[in-house]
Amino acid sequence: YSQVVVDVRGTGFSQGEWDMLRAREQQDTLEVI
């Protein structure tokens, strides 16, 4: 298996402002998938 561990936006080394499970972060998840 391969595994991808991603910092959500606004946390870790990712850019942006943390969106705390809201619409933009959910869209990010779909785009990462």
PDB file of all heavy atoms in Angstrom:
ATOM      1  N   TYR A   1       0.856  -1.180   0.000  1.00  0.00           N
ATOM      2  CA  TYR A   1       0.000   0.000   0.000  1.00  0.00           C
ATOM      3  C   TYR A   1       0.898   1.238   0.000  1.00  0.00           C
ATOM      4  O   TYR A   1       2.012   1.206   0.533  1.00  0.00           O
ATOM      5  CB  TYR A   1      -0.882   0.062   1.246  1.00  0.00           C
ATOM      6  CG  TYR A   1      -2.007  -0.926   1.310  1.00  0.00           C
ATOM      7  CD1 TYR A   1      -1.800  -2.211   1.816  1.00  0.00           C
ATOM      8  CD2 TYR A   1      -3.289  -0.588   0.881  1.00  0.00           C
ATOM      9  CE1 TYR A   1      -2.832  -3.131   1.894  1.00  0.00           C
ATOM     10  CE2 TYR A   1      -4.332  -1.501   0.958  1.00  0.00           C
ATOM     11  CZ  TYR A   1      -4.102  -2.769   1.455  1.00  0.00           C
ATOM     12  OH  TYR A   1      -5.129  -3.675   1.531  1.00  0.00           O
ATOM     13  N   SER A   2       0.389   2.317  -0.566  1.00  0.00           N
ATOM     14  CA  SER A   2       1.006   3.626  -0.365  1.00  0.00           C
ATOM     15  C   SER A   2       0.158   4.387   0.650  1.00  0.00           C
ATOM     16  O   SER A   2      -1.034   4.102   0.810  1.00  0.00           O
ATOM     17  CB  SER A   2       1.075   4.414  -1.675  1.00  0.00           C
ATOM     18  OG  SER A   2       1.859   3.729  -2.633  1.00  0.00           O
ATOM     19  N   GLN A   3       0.768   5.329   1.346  1.00  0.00           N
ATOM     20  CA  GLN A   3       0.013   6.158   2.279  1.00  0.00           C
ATOM     21  C   GLN A   3       0.433   7.608   2.110  1.00  0.00           C
ATOM     22  O   GLN A   3       1.619   7.906   1.921  1.00  0.00           O
ATOM     23  CB  GLN A   3       0.216   5.735   3.731  1.00  0.00           C
ATOM     24  CG  GLN A   3      -0.562   6.619   4.707  1.00  0.00           C
ATOM     25  CD  GLN A   3      -0.911   5.949   6.010  1.00  0.00           C
ATOM     26  OE1 GLN A   3      -0.419   4.871   6.312  1.00  0.00           O
ATOM     27  NE2 GLN A   3      -1.769   6.584   6.786  1.00  0.00           N
ATOM     28  N   VAL A   4      -0.561   8.496   2.170  1.00  0.00           N
ATOM     29  CA  VAL A   4      -0.333   9.930   2.071  1.00  0.00           C
ATOM     30  C   VAL A   4      -0.873  10.579   3.338  1.00  0.00           C
ATOM     31  O   VAL A   4      -2.059  10.429   3.665  1.00  0.00           O
ATOM     32  CB  VAL A   4      -1.034  10.528   0.835  1.00  0.00           C
ATOM     33  CG1 VAL A   4      -0.762  12.029   0.746  1.00  0.00           C
ATOM     34  CG2 VAL A   4      -0.588   9.835  -0.442  1.00  0.00           C
ATOM     35  N   VAL A   5       0.003  11.273   4.074  1.00  0.00           N
ATOM     36  CA  VAL A   5      -0.399  12.001   5.281  1.00  0.00           C
ATOM     37  C   VAL A   5      -0.242  13.488   4.995  1.00  0.00           C
ATOM     38  O   VAL A   5       0.862  13.951   4.696  1.00  0.00           O
ATOM     39  CB  VAL A   5       0.452  11.597   6.499  1.00  0.00           C
ATOM     40  CG1 VAL A   5      -0.005  12.363   7.737  1.00  0.00           C
ATOM     41  CG2 VAL A   5       0.361  10.094   6.739  1.00  0.00           C
ATOM     42  N   VAL A   6      -1.342  14.235   5.062  1.00  0.00           N
ATOM     43  CA  VAL A   6      -1.375  15.630   4.620  1.00  0.00           C
ATOM     44  C   VAL A   6      -1.782  16.543   5.769  1.00  0.00           C
ATOM     45  O   VAL A   6      -2.742  16.263   6.501  1.00  0.00           O
ATOM     46  CB  VAL A   6      -2.371  15.802   3.451  1.00  0.00           C
ATOM     47  CG1 VAL A   6      -2.401  17.247   2.971  1.00  0.00           C
ATOM     48  CG2 VAL A   6      -2.015  14.867   2.297  1.00  0.00           C
ATOM     49  N   ASP A   7      -1.043  17.647   5.937  1.00  0.00           N
ATOM     50  CA  ASP A   7      -1.456  18.698   6.867  1.00  0.00           C
ATOM     51  C   ASP A   7      -2.629  19.460   6.260  1.00  0.00           C
ATOM     52  O   ASP A   7      -2.526  19.963   5.136  1.00  0.00           O
ATOM     53  CB  ASP A   7      -0.310  19.688   7.107  1.00  0.00           C
ATOM     54  CG  ASP A   7       0.861  19.076   7.860  1.00  0.00           C
ATOM     55  OD1 ASP A   7       0.620  18.216   8.714  1.00  0.00           O
ATOM     56  OD2 ASP A   7       2.010  19.472   7.580  1.00  0.00           O
ATOM     57  N   VAL A   8      -3.760  19.548   6.979  1.00  0.00           N
ATOM     58  CA  VAL A   8      -4.876  20.335   6.455  1.00  0.00           C
ATOM     59  C   VAL A   8      -4.451  21.798   6.371  1.00  0.00           C
ATOM     60  O   VAL A   8      -3.535  22.240   7.070  1.00  0.00           O
ATOM     61  CB  VAL A   8      -6.151  20.187   7.321  1.00  0.00           C
ATOM     62  CG1 VAL A   8      -6.603  18.742   7.388  1.00  0.00           C
ATOM     63  CG2 VAL A   8      -5.946  20.751   8.714  1.00  0.00           C
ATOM     64  N   ARG A   9      -5.112  22.544   5.524  1.00  0.00           N
ATOM     65  CA  ARG A   9      -4.718  23.936   5.294  1.00  0.00           C
ATOM     66  C   ARG A   9      -4.660  24.713   6.620  1.00  0.00           C
ATOM     67  O   ARG A   9      -5.496  24.536   7.501  1.00  0.00           O
ATOM     68  CB  ARG A   9      -5.634  24.629   4.295  1.00  0.00           C
ATOM     69  CG  ARG A   9      -7.027  24.921   4.753  1.00  0.00           C
ATOM     70  CD  ARG A   9      -7.745  25.858   3.781  1.00  0.00           C
ATOM     71  NE  ARG A   9      -7.716  25.361   2.414  1.00  0.00           N
ATOM     72  CZ  ARG A   9      -7.611  26.135   1.331  1.00  0.00           C
ATOM     73  NH1 ARG A   9      -7.572  27.450   1.479  1.00  0.00           N
ATOM     74  NH2 ARG A   9      -7.590  25.614   0.123  1.00  0.00           N
ATOM     75  N   GLY A  10      -3.630  25.557   6.706  1.00  0.00           N
ATOM     76  CA  GLY A  10      -3.472  26.383   7.892  1.00  0.00           C
ATOM     77  C   GLY A  10      -2.833  25.679   9.066  1.00  0.00           C
ATOM     78  O   GLY A  10      -2.702  26.272  10.135  1.00  0.00           O
ATOM     79  N   THR A  11      -2.407  24.413   8.900  1.00  0.00           N
ATOM     80  CA  THR A  11      -1.732  23.678   9.970  1.00  0.00           C
ATOM     81  C   THR A  11      -0.477  23.034   9.405  1.00  0.00           C
ATOM     82  O   THR A  11      -0.301  22.903   8.194  1.00  0.00           O
ATOM     83  CB  THR A  11      -2.633  22.588  10.578  1.00  0.00           C
ATOM     84  OG1 THR A  11      -2.788  21.513   9.639  1.00  0.00           O
ATOM     85  CG2 THR A  11      -4.000  23.140  10.940  1.00  0.00           C
ATOM     86  N   GLY A  12       0.412  22.604  10.300  1.00  0.00           N
ATOM     87  CA  GLY A  12       1.639  21.964   9.847  1.00  0.00           C
ATOM     88  C   GLY A  12       2.414  22.843   8.883  1.00  0.00           C
ATOM     89  O   GLY A  12       2.589  24.039   9.114  1.00  0.00           O
ATOM     90  N   PHE A  13       2.853  22.263   7.772  1.00  0.00           N
ATOM     91  CA  PHE A  13       3.610  23.011   6.770  1.00  0.00           C
ATOM     92  C   PHE A  13       2.732  23.472   5.612  1.00  0.00           C
ATOM     93  O   PHE A  13       3.244  24.003   4.628  1.00  0.00           O
ATOM     94  CB  PHE A  13       4.752  22.146   6.219  1.00  0.00           C
ATOM     95  CG  PHE A  13       5.780  21.741   7.249  1.00  0.00           C
ATOM     96  CD1 PHE A  13       6.664  20.715   7.005  1.00  0.00           C
ATOM     97  CD2 PHE A  13       5.860  22.400   8.475  1.00  0.00           C
ATOM     98  CE1 PHE A  13       7.612  20.340   7.954  1.00  0.00           C
ATOM     99  CE2 PHE A  13       6.800  22.039   9.433  1.00  0.00           C
ATOM    100  CZ  PHE A  13       7.673  21.000   9.166  1.00  0.00           C
ATOM    101  N   SER A  14       1.413  23.281   5.717  1.00  0.00           N
ATOM    102  CA  SER A  14       0.504  23.683   4.634  1.00  0.00           C
ATOM    103  C   SER A  14       0.176  25.171   4.728  1.00  0.00           C
ATOM    104  O   SER A  14       0.077  25.734   5.824  1.00  0.00           O
ATOM    105  CB  SER A  14      -0.796  22.873   4.690  1.00  0.00           C
ATOM    106  OG  SER A  14      -0.564  21.515   4.363  1.00  0.00           O
ATOM    107  N   GLN A  15      -0.016  25.774   3.577  1.00  0.00           N
ATOM    108  CA  GLN A  15      -0.404  27.179   3.516  1.00  0.00           C
ATOM    109  C   GLN A  15      -1.876  27.341   3.893  1.00  0.00           C
ATOM    110  O   GLN A  15      -2.605  26.373   4.090  1.00  0.00           O
ATOM    111  CB  GLN A  15      -0.176  27.722   2.099  1.00  0.00           C
ATOM    112  CG  GLN A  15       1.256  27.733   1.633  1.00  0.00           C
ATOM    113  CD  GLN A  15       1.380  28.170   0.183  1.00  0.00           C
ATOM    114  OE1 GLN A  15       0.381  28.369  -0.516  1.00  0.00           O
ATOM    115  NE2 GLN A  15       2.619  28.320  -0.292  1.00  0.00           N
ATOM    116  N   GLY A  16      -2.299  28.615   3.959  1.00  0.00           N
ATOM    117  CA  GLY A  16      -3.709  28.923   4.161  1.00  0.00           C
ATOM    118  C   GLY A  16      -4.075  29.160   5.611  1.00  0.00           C
ATOM    119  O   GLY A  16      -3.239  29.138   6.512  1.00  0.00           O
ATOM    120  N   GLU A  17      -5.359  29.405   5.829  1.00  0.00           N
ATOM    121  CA  GLU A  17      -5.912  29.606   7.167  1.00  0.00           C
ATOM    122  C   GLU A  17      -6.721  28.382   7.546  1.00  0.00           C
ATOM    123  O   GLU A  17      -7.540  27.894   6.773  1.00  0.00           O
ATOM    124  CB  GLU A  17      -6.801  30.851   7.195  1.00  0.00           C
ATOM    125  CG  GLU A  17      -7.412  31.141   8.553  1.00  0.00           C
ATOM    126  CD  GLU A  17      -8.274  32.398   8.561  1.00  0.00           C
ATOM    127  OE1 GLU A  17      -7.955  33.320   7.784  1.00  0.00           O
ATOM    128  OE2 GLU A  17      -9.245  32.450   9.343  1.00  0.00           O
ATOM    129  N   TRP A  18      -6.483  27.890   8.751  1.00  0.00           N
ATOM    130  CA  TRP A  18      -7.176  26.692   9.222  1.00  0.00           C
ATOM    131  C   TRP A  18      -8.689  26.888   9.141  1.00  0.00           C
ATOM    132  O   TRP A  18      -9.227  27.866   9.643  1.00  0.00           O
ATOM    133  CB  TRP A  18      -6.732  26.400  10.652  1.00  0.00           C
ATOM    134  CG  TRP A  18      -7.331  25.161  11.245  1.00  0.00           C
ATOM    135  CD1 TRP A  18      -7.620  23.993  10.610  1.00  0.00           C
ATOM    136  CD2 TRP A  18      -7.717  24.975  12.610  1.00  0.00           C
ATOM    137  NE1 TRP A  18      -8.144  23.084  11.487  1.00  0.00           N
ATOM    138  CE2 TRP A  18      -8.217  23.658  12.726  1.00  0.00           C
ATOM    139  CE3 TRP A  18      -7.659  25.783  13.746  1.00  0.00           C
ATOM    140  CZ2 TRP A  18      -8.677  23.151  13.929  1.00  0.00           C
ATOM    141  CZ3 TRP A  18      -8.111  25.268  14.947  1.00  0.00           C
ATOM    142  CH2 TRP A  18      -8.609  23.961  15.037  1.00  0.00           C
ATOM    143  N   ASP A  19      -9.379  25.916   8.532  1.00  0.00           N
ATOM    144  CA  ASP A  19     -10.819  26.034   8.295  1.00  0.00           C
ATOM    145  C   ASP A  19     -11.643  25.115   9.198  1.00  0.00           C
ATOM    146  O   ASP A  19     -12.859  25.094   9.102  1.00  0.00           O
ATOM    147  CB  ASP A  19     -11.126  25.741   6.823  1.00  0.00           C
ATOM    148  CG  ASP A  19     -12.465  26.287   6.379  1.00  0.00           C
ATOM    149  OD1 ASP A  19     -12.820  27.407   6.795  1.00  0.00           O
ATOM    150  OD2 ASP A  19     -13.168  25.585   5.627  1.00  0.00           O
ATOM    151  N   MET A  20     -11.002  24.331  10.033  1.00  0.00           N
ATOM    152  CA  MET A  20     -11.637  23.479  11.049  1.00  0.00           C
ATOM    153  C   MET A  20     -12.858  22.721  10.534  1.00  0.00           C
ATOM    154  O   MET A  20     -13.992  22.945  10.950  1.00  0.00           O
ATOM    155  CB  MET A  20     -12.022  24.285  12.290  1.00  0.00           C
ATOM    156  CG  MET A  20     -12.249  23.394  13.518  1.00  0.00           C
ATOM    157  SD  MET A  20     -12.507  24.293  15.063  1.00  0.00           S
ATOM    158  CE  MET A  20     -14.170  24.914  14.868  1.00  0.00           C
ATOM    159  N   LEU A  21     -12.624  21.814   9.588  1.00  0.00           N
ATOM    160  CA  LEU A  21     -13.620  20.859   9.110  1.00  0.00           C
ATOM    161  C   LEU A  21     -14.761  21.507   8.329  1.00  0.00           C
ATOM    162  O   LEU A  21     -15.774  20.852   8.057  1.00  0.00           O
ATOM    163  CB  LEU A  21     -14.191  20.048  10.284  1.00  0.00           C
ATOM    164  CG  LEU A  21     -13.199  19.131  10.997  1.00  0.00           C
ATOM    165  CD1 LEU A  21     -13.745  18.687  12.351  1.00  0.00           C
ATOM    166  CD2 LEU A  21     -12.875  17.915  10.139  1.00  0.00           C
ATOM    167  N   ARG A  22     -14.604  22.759   7.933  1.00  0.00           N
ATOM    168  CA  ARG A  22     -15.677  23.442   7.214  1.00  0.00           C
ATOM    169  C   ARG A  22     -15.551  23.220   5.705  1.00  0.00           C
ATOM    170  O   ARG A  22     -14.781  22.394   5.236  1.00  0.00           O
ATOM    171  CB  ARG A  22     -15.687  24.918   7.585  1.00  0.00           C
ATOM    172  CG  ARG A  22     -15.987  25.149   9.069  1.00  0.00           C
ATOM    173  CD  ARG A  22     -16.313  26.590   9.384  1.00  0.00           C
ATOM    174  NE  ARG A  22     -15.238  27.500   9.018  1.00  0.00           N
ATOM    175  CZ  ARG A  22     -15.301  28.820   9.204  1.00  0.00           C
ATOM    176  NH1 ARG A  22     -16.384  29.363   9.756  1.00  0.00           N
ATOM    177  NH2 ARG A  22     -14.297  29.598   8.871  1.00  0.00           N
ATOM    178  N   ALA A  23     -16.339  23.968   4.939  1.00  0.00           N
ATOM    179  CA  ALA A  23     -16.538  23.675   3.521  1.00  0.00           C
ATOM    180  C   ALA A  23     -15.241  23.649   2.723  1.00  0.00           C
ATOM    181  O   ALA A  23     -15.016  22.756   1.895  1.00  0.00           O
ATOM    182  CB  ALA A  23     -17.516  24.685   2.916  1.00  0.00           C
ATOM    183  N   ARG A  24     -14.347  24.650   2.932  1.00  0.00           N
ATOM    184  CA  ARG A  24     -13.134  24.699   2.124  1.00  0.00           C
ATOM    185  C   ARG A  24     -12.227  23.504   2.441  1.00  0.00           C
ATOM    186  O   ARG A  24     -11.641  22.913   1.536  1.00  0.00           O
ATOM    187  CB  ARG A  24     -12.392  26.008   2.368  1.00  0.00           C
ATOM    188  CG  ARG A  24     -11.105  26.182   1.591  1.00  0.00           C
ATOM    189  CD  ARG A  24     -11.310  26.162   0.075  1.00  0.00           C
ATOM    190  NE  ARG A  24     -10.703  25.003  -0.541  1.00  0.00           N
ATOM    191  CZ  ARG A  24     -10.593  24.850  -1.856  1.00  0.00           C
ATOM    192  NH1 ARG A  24     -11.080  25.770  -2.683  1.00  0.00           N
ATOM    193  NH2 ARG A  24     -10.034  23.770  -2.358  1.00  0.00           N
ATOM    194  N   GLU A  25     -12.137  23.149   3.716  1.00  0.00           N
ATOM    195  CA  GLU A  25     -11.318  21.995   4.080  1.00  0.00           C
ATOM    196  C   GLU A  25     -11.909  20.706   3.510  1.00  0.00           C
ATOM    197  O   GLU A  25     -11.163  19.812   3.070  1.00  0.00           O
ATOM    198  CB  GLU A  25     -11.198  21.897   5.589  1.00  0.00           C
ATOM    199  CG  GLU A  25     -10.268  20.778   6.054  1.00  0.00           C
ATOM    200  CD  GLU A  25     -10.115  20.753   7.553  1.00  0.00           C
ATOM    201  OE1 GLU A  25      -9.613  21.738   8.120  1.00  0.00           O
ATOM    202  OE2 GLU A  25     -10.510  19.743   8.167  1.00  0.00           O
ATOM    203  N   GLN A  26     -13.231  20.597   3.504  1.00  0.00           N
ATOM    204  CA  GLN A  26     -13.854  19.415   2.919  1.00  0.00           C
ATOM    205  C   GLN A  26     -13.565  19.329   1.418  1.00  0.00           C
ATOM    206  O   GLN A  26     -13.338  18.240   0.882  1.00  0.00           O
ATOM    207  CB  GLN A  26     -15.356  19.440   3.183  1.00  0.00           C
ATOM    208  CG  GLN A  26     -15.710  19.278   4.661  1.00  0.00           C
ATOM    209  CD  GLN A  26     -17.200  19.334   4.926  1.00  0.00           C
ATOM    210  OE1 GLN A  26     -17.989  18.774   4.158  1.00  0.00           O
ATOM    211  NE2 GLN A  26     -17.602  20.013   5.987  1.00  0.00           N
ATOM    212  N   GLN A  27     -13.567  20.488   0.749  1.00  0.00           N
ATOM    213  CA  GLN A  27     -13.221  20.503  -0.667  1.00  0.00           C
ATOM    214  C   GLN A  27     -11.763  20.090  -0.866  1.00  0.00           C
ATOM    215  O   GLN A  27     -11.435  19.342  -1.803  1.00  0.00           O
ATOM    216  CB  GLN A  27     -13.455  21.896  -1.258  1.00  0.00           C
ATOM    217  CG  GLN A  27     -13.102  22.034  -2.736  1.00  0.00           C
ATOM    218  CD  GLN A  27     -13.934  21.125  -3.627  1.00  0.00           C
ATOM    219  OE1 GLN A  27     -15.090  20.843  -3.332  1.00  0.00           O
ATOM    220  NE2 GLN A  27     -13.347  20.660  -4.715  1.00  0.00           N
ATOM    221  N   ASP A  28     -10.880  20.549   0.017  1.00  0.00           N
ATOM    222  CA  ASP A  28      -9.477  20.133  -0.043  1.00  0.00           C
ATOM    223  C   ASP A  28      -9.357  18.613   0.030  1.00  0.00           C
ATOM    224  O   ASP A  28      -8.564  17.999  -0.696  1.00  0.00           O
ATOM    225  CB  ASP A  28      -8.690  20.741   1.120  1.00  0.00           C
ATOM    226  CG  ASP A  28      -8.478  22.239   0.988  1.00  0.00           C
ATOM    227  OD1 ASP A  28      -8.716  22.781  -0.105  1.00  0.00           O
ATOM    228  OD2 ASP A  28      -8.073  22.858   1.997  1.00  0.00           O
ATOM    229  N   THR A  29     -10.125  18.008   0.934  1.00  0.00           N
ATOM    230  CA  THR A  29     -10.053  16.555   1.103  1.00  0.00           C
ATOM    231  C   THR A  29     -10.407  15.833  -0.192  1.00  0.00           C
ATOM    232  O   THR A  29      -9.720  14.893  -0.602  1.00  0.00           O
ATOM    233  CB  THR A  29     -10.992  16.100   2.228  1.00  0.00           C
ATOM    234  OG1 THR A  29     -10.653  16.786   3.436  1.00  0.00           O
ATOM    235  CG2 THR A  29     -10.887  14.604   2.455  1.00  0.00           C
ATOM    236  N   LEU A  30     -11.462  16.288  -0.837  1.00  0.00           N
ATOM    237  CA  LEU A  30     -11.852  15.670  -2.108  1.00  0.00           C
ATOM    238  C   LEU A  30     -10.750  15.842  -3.149  1.00  0.00           C
ATOM    239  O   LEU A  30     -10.475  14.920  -3.943  1.00  0.00           O
ATOM    240  CB  LEU A  30     -13.159  16.279  -2.607  1.00  0.00           C
ATOM    241  CG  LEU A  30     -14.374  16.149  -1.681  1.00  0.00           C
ATOM    242  CD1 LEU A  30     -15.606  16.782  -2.322  1.00  0.00           C
ATOM    243  CD2 LEU A  30     -14.651  14.691  -1.336  1.00  0.00           C
ATOM    244  N   GLU A  31     -10.106  16.994  -3.165  1.00  0.00           N
ATOM    245  CA  GLU A  31      -9.056  17.241  -4.141  1.00  0.00           C
ATOM    246  C   GLU A  31      -7.804  16.417  -3.838  1.00  0.00           C
ATOM    247  O   GLU A  31      -7.117  15.959  -4.763  1.00  0.00           O
ATOM    248  CB  GLU A  31      -8.736  18.735  -4.195  1.00  0.00           C
ATOM    249  CG  GLU A  31      -9.902  19.563  -4.743  1.00  0.00           C
ATOM    250  CD  GLU A  31      -9.611  21.059  -4.806  1.00  0.00           C
ATOM    251  OE1 GLU A  31      -8.422  21.436  -4.709  1.00  0.00           O
ATOM    252  OE2 GLU A  31     -10.567  21.844  -4.938  1.00  0.00           O
ATOM    253  N   VAL A  32      -7.502  16.207  -2.566  1.00  0.00           N
ATOM    254  CA  VAL A  32      -6.368  15.352  -2.206  1.00  0.00           C
ATOM    255  C   VAL A  32      -6.649  13.910  -2.625  1.00  0.00           C
ATOM    256  O   VAL A  32      -5.761  13.214  -3.147  1.00  0.00           O
ATOM    257  CB  VAL A  32      -6.080  15.441  -0.692  1.00  0.00           C
ATOM    258  CG1 VAL A  32      -5.089  14.348  -0.269  1.00  0.00           C
ATOM    259  CG2 VAL A  32      -5.527  16.811  -0.333  1.00  0.00           C
ATOM    260  N   ILE A  33      -7.876  13.431  -2.390  1.00  0.00           N
ATOM    261  CA  ILE A  33      -8.241  12.075  -2.819  1.00  0.00           C
ATOM    262  C   ILE A  33      -8.067  11.931  -4.325  1.00  0.00           C
ATOM    263  O   ILE A  33      -7.478  10.949  -4.815  1.00  0.00           O
ATOM    264  CB  ILE A  33      -9.691  11.757  -2.401  1.00  0.00           C
ATOM    265  CG1 ILE A  33      -9.786  11.620  -0.879  1.00  0.00           C
ATOM    266  CG2 ILE A  33     -10.194  10.488  -3.087  1.00  0.00           C
ATOM    267  CD1 ILE A  33     -11.205  11.527  -0.361  1.00  0.00           C
TER     268      ILE A  33
END
